[in-house]
Amino acid sequence: MADTHPSGPAETGAEMDYTEHERTYAMFLNMSKWLVVMCVALLIAMSFGFFAGGGLFGGIVAFVLLMILGYFLA
């Protein structure tokens, strides 16, 4: 039977660009943080608009204010 097991290194491609990897990961974390802030602001604004009598424009104003607050706190 033929020997089909590789005898060389598992990865023979170019070396990793660690600075690009770290930059991409930092961008991913930043975008994830802002997605969470936006979802929380949207849920609070929707509950204000629907249940607290704020209506559509009150919900929009609450969303904008919460996003501004999230910008300064996050």
PDB file of N, CA and C in Angstrom:
ATOM      1  N   MET A   1       0.819  -1.172   0.000  1.00  0.00           N
ATOM      2  CA  MET A   1       0.000   0.000   0.000  1.00  0.00           C
ATOM      3  C   MET A   1       0.870   1.246   0.000  1.00  0.00           C
ATOM      4  N   ALA A   2       0.389   2.289  -0.639  1.00  0.00           N
ATOM      5  CA  ALA A   2       1.160   3.522  -0.721  1.00  0.00           C
ATOM      6  C   ALA A   2       1.046   4.303   0.584  1.00  0.00           C
ATOM      7  N   ASP A   3       2.125   4.962   0.932  1.00  0.00           N
ATOM      8  CA  ASP A   3       2.139   5.799   2.123  1.00  0.00           C
ATOM      9  C   ASP A   3       1.574   7.172   1.749  1.00  0.00           C
ATOM     10  N   THR A   4       0.402   7.537   2.272  1.00  0.00           N
ATOM     11  CA  THR A   4      -0.236   8.808   1.911  1.00  0.00           C
ATOM     12  C   THR A   4      -0.195   9.839   3.027  1.00  0.00           C
ATOM     13  N   HIS A   5       0.518   9.557   4.070  1.00  0.00           N
ATOM     14  CA  HIS A   5       0.615  10.521   5.162  1.00  0.00           C
ATOM     15  C   HIS A   5       1.619  11.605   4.802  1.00  0.00           C
ATOM     16  N   PRO A   6       1.244  12.880   4.996  1.00  0.00           N
ATOM     17  CA  PRO A   6       2.198  13.949   4.679  1.00  0.00           C
ATOM     18  C   PRO A   6       3.366  13.937   5.651  1.00  0.00           C
ATOM     19  N   SER A   7       4.517  14.221   5.128  1.00  0.00           N
ATOM     20  CA  SER A   7       5.696  14.211   5.986  1.00  0.00           C
ATOM     21  C   SER A   7       6.210  15.619   6.264  1.00  0.00           C
ATOM     22  N   GLY A   8       5.703  16.613   5.549  1.00  0.00           N
ATOM     23  CA  GLY A   8       6.162  17.988   5.733  1.00  0.00           C
ATOM     24  C   GLY A   8       5.316  18.734   6.755  1.00  0.00           C
ATOM     25  N   PRO A   9       5.572  20.032   6.880  1.00  0.00           N
ATOM     26  CA  PRO A   9       4.798  20.846   7.833  1.00  0.00           C
ATOM     27  C   PRO A   9       3.344  20.957   7.378  1.00  0.00           C
ATOM     28  N   ALA A  10       2.453  21.174   8.341  1.00  0.00           N
ATOM     29  CA  ALA A  10       1.024  21.256   8.038  1.00  0.00           C
ATOM     30  C   ALA A  10       0.700  22.502   7.227  1.00  0.00           C
ATOM     31  N   GLU A  11       1.403  23.590   7.491  1.00  0.00           N
ATOM     32  CA  GLU A  11       1.144  24.834   6.768  1.00  0.00           C
ATOM     33  C   GLU A  11       2.417  25.260   6.063  1.00  0.00           C
ATOM     34  N   THR A  12       2.369  25.321   4.773  1.00  0.00           N
ATOM     35  CA  THR A  12       3.561  25.728   4.020  1.00  0.00           C
ATOM     36  C   THR A  12       3.357  27.063   3.338  1.00  0.00           C
ATOM     37  N   GLY A  13       2.279  27.782   3.673  1.00  0.00           N
ATOM     38  CA  GLY A  13       1.996  29.074   3.060  1.00  0.00           C
ATOM     39  C   GLY A  13       2.820  30.182   3.693  1.00  0.00           C
ATOM     40  N   ALA A  14       2.428  31.413   3.385  1.00  0.00           N
ATOM     41  CA  ALA A  14       3.124  32.577   3.921  1.00  0.00           C
ATOM     42  C   ALA A  14       2.868  32.708   5.419  1.00  0.00           C
ATOM     43  N   GLU A  15       3.760  33.389   6.088  1.00  0.00           N
ATOM     44  CA  GLU A  15       3.596  33.611   7.514  1.00  0.00           C
ATOM     45  C   GLU A  15       2.442  34.570   7.758  1.00  0.00           C
ATOM     46  N   MET A  16       1.843  34.475   8.951  1.00  0.00           N
ATOM     47  CA  MET A  16       0.714  35.342   9.284  1.00  0.00           C
ATOM     48  C   MET A  16       1.168  36.773   9.481  1.00  0.00           C
ATOM     49  N   ASP A  17       0.316  37.698   9.087  1.00  0.00           N
ATOM     50  CA  ASP A  17       0.541  39.114   9.320  1.00  0.00           C
ATOM     51  C   ASP A  17      -0.167  39.469  10.626  1.00  0.00           C
ATOM     52  N   TYR A  18       0.568  39.406  11.738  1.00  0.00           N
ATOM     53  CA  TYR A  18      -0.048  39.563  13.046  1.00  0.00           C
ATOM     54  C   TYR A  18      -0.567  40.971  13.280  1.00  0.00           C
ATOM     55  N   THR A  19       0.073  41.983  12.731  1.00  0.00           N
ATOM     56  CA  THR A  19      -0.429  43.339  12.915  1.00  0.00           C
ATOM     57  C   THR A  19      -1.780  43.510  12.230  1.00  0.00           C
ATOM     58  N   GLU A  20      -1.942  42.934  11.058  1.00  0.00           N
ATOM     59  CA  GLU A  20      -3.237  43.002  10.363  1.00  0.00           C
ATOM     60  C   GLU A  20      -4.287  42.194  11.108  1.00  0.00           C
ATOM     61  N   HIS A  21      -3.891  41.071  11.668  1.00  0.00           N
ATOM     62  CA  HIS A  21      -4.814  40.247  12.454  1.00  0.00           C
ATOM     63  C   HIS A  21      -5.314  41.018  13.673  1.00  0.00           C
ATOM     64  N   GLU A  22      -4.419  41.672  14.388  1.00  0.00           N
ATOM     65  CA  GLU A  22      -4.798  42.434  15.569  1.00  0.00           C
ATOM     66  C   GLU A  22      -5.668  43.629  15.207  1.00  0.00           C
ATOM     67  N   ARG A  23      -5.382  44.270  14.084  1.00  0.00           N
ATOM     68  CA  ARG A  23      -6.185  45.410  13.638  1.00  0.00           C
ATOM     69  C   ARG A  23      -7.597  44.962  13.259  1.00  0.00           C
ATOM     70  N   THR A  24      -7.711  43.838  12.583  1.00  0.00           N
ATOM     71  CA  THR A  24      -9.012  43.313  12.201  1.00  0.00           C
ATOM     72  C   THR A  24      -9.808  42.893  13.429  1.00  0.00           C
ATOM     73  N   TYR A  25      -9.155  42.269  14.397  1.00  0.00           N
ATOM     74  CA  TYR A  25      -9.836  41.852  15.618  1.00  0.00           C
ATOM     75  C   TYR A  25     -10.313  43.056  16.421  1.00  0.00           C
ATOM     76  N   ALA A  26      -9.496  44.116  16.484  1.00  0.00           N
ATOM     77  CA  ALA A  26      -9.908  45.334  17.187  1.00  0.00           C
ATOM     78  C   ALA A  26     -11.114  45.966  16.490  1.00  0.00           C
ATOM     79  N   MET A  27     -11.149  45.953  15.168  1.00  0.00           N
ATOM     80  CA  MET A  27     -12.281  46.480  14.431  1.00  0.00           C
ATOM     81  C   MET A  27     -13.533  45.640  14.706  1.00  0.00           C
ATOM     82  N   PHE A  28     -13.381  44.315  14.750  1.00  0.00           N
ATOM     83  CA  PHE A  28     -14.497  43.428  15.052  1.00  0.00           C
ATOM     84  C   PHE A  28     -15.060  43.714  16.447  1.00  0.00           C
ATOM     85  N   LEU A  29     -14.197  43.893  17.441  1.00  0.00           N
ATOM     86  CA  LEU A  29     -14.663  44.190  18.794  1.00  0.00           C
ATOM     87  C   LEU A  29     -15.368  45.537  18.853  1.00  0.00           C
ATOM     88  N   ASN A  30     -14.844  46.535  18.142  1.00  0.00           N
ATOM     89  CA  ASN A  30     -15.451  47.857  18.125  1.00  0.00           C
ATOM     90  C   ASN A  30     -16.836  47.806  17.478  1.00  0.00           C
ATOM     91  N   MET A  31     -16.953  47.100  16.360  1.00  0.00           N
ATOM     92  CA  MET A  31     -18.247  47.002  15.690  1.00  0.00           C
ATOM     93  C   MET A  31     -19.243  46.200  16.530  1.00  0.00           C
ATOM     94  N   SER A  32     -18.774  45.175  17.224  1.00  0.00           N
ATOM     95  CA  SER A  32     -19.652  44.398  18.101  1.00  0.00           C
ATOM     96  C   SER A  32     -20.166  45.252  19.250  1.00  0.00           C
ATOM     97  N   LYS A  33     -19.290  46.072  19.815  1.00  0.00           N
ATOM     98  CA  LYS A  33     -19.687  46.959  20.905  1.00  0.00           C
ATOM     99  C   LYS A  33     -20.776  47.916  20.441  1.00  0.00           C
ATOM    100  N   TRP A  34     -20.601  48.514  19.260  1.00  0.00           N
ATOM    101  CA  TRP A  34     -21.588  49.471  18.774  1.00  0.00           C
ATOM    102  C   TRP A  34     -22.884  48.804  18.363  1.00  0.00           C
ATOM    103  N   LEU A  35     -22.826  47.565  17.918  1.00  0.00           N
ATOM    104  CA  LEU A  35     -24.051  46.837  17.607  1.00  0.00           C
ATOM    105  C   LEU A  35     -24.853  46.578  18.874  1.00  0.00           C
ATOM    106  N   VAL A  36     -24.187  46.225  19.958  1.00  0.00           N
ATOM    107  CA  VAL A  36     -24.869  45.998  21.231  1.00  0.00           C
ATOM    108  C   VAL A  36     -25.465  47.300  21.754  1.00  0.00           C
ATOM    109  N   VAL A  37     -24.705  48.403  21.669  1.00  0.00           N
ATOM    110  CA  VAL A  37     -25.217  49.706  22.112  1.00  0.00           C
ATOM    111  C   VAL A  37     -26.447  50.087  21.300  1.00  0.00           C
ATOM    112  N   MET A  38     -26.392  49.867  19.986  1.00  0.00           N
ATOM    113  CA  MET A  38     -27.514  50.223  19.129  1.00  0.00           C
ATOM    114  C   MET A  38     -28.748  49.367  19.430  1.00  0.00           C
ATOM    115  N   CYS A  39     -28.563  48.075  19.659  1.00  0.00           N
ATOM    116  CA  CYS A  39     -29.696  47.200  19.970  1.00  0.00           C
ATOM    117  C   CYS A  39     -30.345  47.567  21.298  1.00  0.00           C
ATOM    118  N   VAL A  40     -29.535  47.868  22.297  1.00  0.00           N
ATOM    119  CA  VAL A  40     -30.080  48.260  23.599  1.00  0.00           C
ATOM    120  C   VAL A  40     -30.829  49.584  23.476  1.00  0.00           C
ATOM    121  N   ALA A  41     -30.246  50.558  22.769  1.00  0.00           N
ATOM    122  CA  ALA A  41     -30.909  51.848  22.578  1.00  0.00           C
ATOM    123  C   ALA A  41     -32.215  51.679  21.813  1.00  0.00           C
ATOM    124  N   LEU A  42     -32.222  50.808  20.810  1.00  0.00           N
ATOM    125  CA  LEU A  42     -33.430  50.581  20.028  1.00  0.00           C
ATOM    126  C   LEU A  42     -34.529  49.936  20.875  1.00  0.00           C
ATOM    127  N   LEU A  43     -34.174  48.963  21.684  1.00  0.00           N
ATOM    128  CA  LEU A  43     -35.180  48.309  22.531  1.00  0.00           C
ATOM    129  C   LEU A  43     -35.754  49.272  23.571  1.00  0.00           C
ATOM    130  N   ILE A  44     -34.912  50.083  24.175  1.00  0.00           N
ATOM    131  CA  ILE A  44     -35.403  51.053  25.159  1.00  0.00           C
ATOM    132  C   ILE A  44     -36.275  52.095  24.477  1.00  0.00           C
ATOM    133  N   ALA A  45     -35.860  52.578  23.305  1.00  0.00           N
ATOM    134  CA  ALA A  45     -36.642  53.577  22.586  1.00  0.00           C
ATOM    135  C   ALA A  45     -37.980  53.013  22.121  1.00  0.00           C
ATOM    136  N   MET A  46     -37.985  51.755  21.691  1.00  0.00           N
ATOM    137  CA  MET A  46     -39.244  51.137  21.272  1.00  0.00           C
ATOM    138  C   MET A  46     -40.189  50.968  22.461  1.00  0.00           C
ATOM    139  N   SER A  47     -39.660  50.582  23.593  1.00  0.00           N
ATOM    140  CA  SER A  47     -40.525  50.434  24.771  1.00  0.00           C
ATOM    141  C   SER A  47     -41.043  51.794  25.226  1.00  0.00           C
ATOM    142  N   PHE A  48     -40.218  52.825  25.111  1.00  0.00           N
ATOM    143  CA  PHE A  48     -40.684  54.175  25.446  1.00  0.00           C
ATOM    144  C   PHE A  48     -41.773  54.627  24.482  1.00  0.00           C
ATOM    145  N   GLY A  49     -41.573  54.370  23.207  1.00  0.00           N
ATOM    146  CA  GLY A  49     -42.556  54.796  22.215  1.00  0.00           C
ATOM    147  C   GLY A  49     -43.855  54.035  22.305  1.00  0.00           C
ATOM    148  N   PHE A  50     -43.803  52.746  22.596  1.00  0.00           N
ATOM    149  CA  PHE A  50     -45.024  51.937  22.611  1.00  0.00           C
ATOM    150  C   PHE A  50     -45.749  51.977  23.953  1.00  0.00           C
ATOM    151  N   PHE A  51     -45.021  51.867  25.043  1.00  0.00           N
ATOM    152  CA  PHE A  51     -45.657  51.676  26.338  1.00  0.00           C
ATOM    153  C   PHE A  51     -45.722  52.939  27.192  1.00  0.00           C
ATOM    154  N   ALA A  52     -44.862  53.901  26.973  1.00  0.00           N
ATOM    155  CA  ALA A  52     -44.858  55.100  27.799  1.00  0.00           C
ATOM    156  C   ALA A  52     -45.590  56.257  27.131  1.00  0.00           C
ATOM    157  N   GLY A  53     -46.183  56.001  25.978  1.00  0.00           N
ATOM    158  CA  GLY A  53     -46.954  57.043  25.308  1.00  0.00           C
ATOM    159  C   GLY A  53     -46.110  58.042  24.554  1.00  0.00           C
ATOM    160  N   GLY A  54     -44.886  57.700  24.250  1.00  0.00           N
ATOM    161  CA  GLY A  54     -44.015  58.632  23.542  1.00  0.00           C
ATOM    162  C   GLY A  54     -44.330  58.734  22.062  1.00  0.00           C
ATOM    163  N   GLY A  55     -44.901  57.696  21.502  1.00  0.00           N
ATOM    164  CA  GLY A  55     -45.228  57.698  20.082  1.00  0.00           C
ATOM    165  C   GLY A  55     -43.989  57.525  19.218  1.00  0.00           C
ATOM    166  N   LEU A  56     -44.178  57.705  17.928  1.00  0.00           N
ATOM    167  CA  LEU A  56     -43.087  57.508  16.973  1.00  0.00           C
ATOM    168  C   LEU A  56     -41.969  58.515  17.173  1.00  0.00           C
ATOM    169  N   PHE A  57     -42.323  59.790  17.245  1.00  0.00           N
ATOM    170  CA  PHE A  57     -41.287  60.818  17.366  1.00  0.00           C
ATOM    171  C   PHE A  57     -40.601  60.783  18.725  1.00  0.00           C
ATOM    172  N   GLY A  58     -41.343  60.442  19.763  1.00  0.00           N
ATOM    173  CA  GLY A  58     -40.729  60.286  21.084  1.00  0.00           C
ATOM    174  C   GLY A  58     -39.750  59.125  21.105  1.00  0.00           C
ATOM    175  N   GLY A  59     -40.094  58.036  20.413  1.00  0.00           N
ATOM    176  CA  GLY A  59     -39.183  56.901  20.319  1.00  0.00           C
ATOM    177  C   GLY A  59     -37.935  57.240  19.534  1.00  0.00           C
ATOM    178  N   ILE A  60     -38.096  58.005  18.454  1.00  0.00           N
ATOM    179  CA  ILE A  60     -36.930  58.413  17.655  1.00  0.00           C
ATOM    180  C   ILE A  60     -36.020  59.321  18.468  1.00  0.00           C
ATOM    181  N   VAL A  61     -36.617  60.274  19.186  1.00  0.00           N
ATOM    182  CA  VAL A  61     -35.816  61.175  20.026  1.00  0.00           C
ATOM    183  C   VAL A  61     -35.104  60.382  21.119  1.00  0.00           C
ATOM    184  N   ALA A  62     -35.795  59.435  21.729  1.00  0.00           N
ATOM    185  CA  ALA A  62     -35.171  58.606  22.771  1.00  0.00           C
ATOM    186  C   ALA A  62     -34.021  57.796  22.189  1.00  0.00           C
ATOM    187  N   PHE A  63     -34.196  57.254  20.982  1.00  0.00           N
ATOM    188  CA  PHE A  63     -33.131  56.480  20.346  1.00  0.00           C
ATOM    189  C   PHE A  63     -31.900  57.345  20.088  1.00  0.00           C
ATOM    190  N   VAL A  64     -32.118  58.530  19.546  1.00  0.00           N
ATOM    191  CA  VAL A  64     -30.985  59.428  19.250  1.00  0.00           C
ATOM    192  C   VAL A  64     -30.276  59.820  20.537  1.00  0.00           C
ATOM    193  N   LEU A  65     -31.044  60.158  21.567  1.00  0.00           N
ATOM    194  CA  LEU A  65     -30.417  60.543  22.841  1.00  0.00           C
ATOM    195  C   LEU A  65     -29.653  59.381  23.470  1.00  0.00           C
ATOM    196  N   LEU A  66     -30.204  58.188  23.375  1.00  0.00           N
ATOM    197  CA  LEU A  66     -29.505  57.028  23.929  1.00  0.00           C
ATOM    198  C   LEU A  66     -28.240  56.698  23.136  1.00  0.00           C
ATOM    199  N   MET A  67     -28.264  56.887  21.830  1.00  0.00           N
ATOM    200  CA  MET A  67     -27.047  56.666  21.034  1.00  0.00           C
ATOM    201  C   MET A  67     -25.975  57.688  21.385  1.00  0.00           C
ATOM    202  N   ILE A  68     -26.377  58.931  21.601  1.00  0.00           N
ATOM    203  CA  ILE A  68     -25.405  59.955  22.020  1.00  0.00           C
ATOM    204  C   ILE A  68     -24.843  59.605  23.393  1.00  0.00           C
ATOM    205  N   LEU A  69     -25.707  59.177  24.310  1.00  0.00           N
ATOM    206  CA  LEU A  69     -25.251  58.758  25.637  1.00  0.00           C
ATOM    207  C   LEU A  69     -24.309  57.557  25.522  1.00  0.00           C
ATOM    208  N   GLY A  70     -24.647  56.612  24.652  1.00  0.00           N
ATOM    209  CA  GLY A  70     -23.789  55.456  24.445  1.00  0.00           C
ATOM    210  C   GLY A  70     -22.435  55.824  23.863  1.00  0.00           C
ATOM    211  N   TYR A  71     -22.405  56.859  23.035  1.00  0.00           N
ATOM    212  CA  TYR A  71     -21.126  57.315  22.464  1.00  0.00           C
ATOM    213  C   TYR A  71     -20.196  57.819  23.568  1.00  0.00           C
ATOM    214  N   PHE A  72     -20.749  58.537  24.522  1.00  0.00           N
ATOM    215  CA  PHE A  72     -19.908  59.087  25.583  1.00  0.00           C
ATOM    216  C   PHE A  72     -19.588  58.074  26.677  1.00  0.00           C
ATOM    217  N   LEU A  73     -20.416  57.063  26.851  1.00  0.00           N
ATOM    218  CA  LEU A  73     -20.166  56.075  27.892  1.00  0.00           C
ATOM    219  C   LEU A  73     -19.385  54.857  27.407  1.00  0.00           C
ATOM    220  N   ALA A  74     -19.495  54.537  26.123  1.00  0.00           N
ATOM    221  CA  ALA A  74     -18.850  53.314  25.607  1.00  0.00           C
ATOM    222  C   ALA A  74     -17.439  53.508  25.189  1.00  0.00           C
TER     223      ALA A  74
END
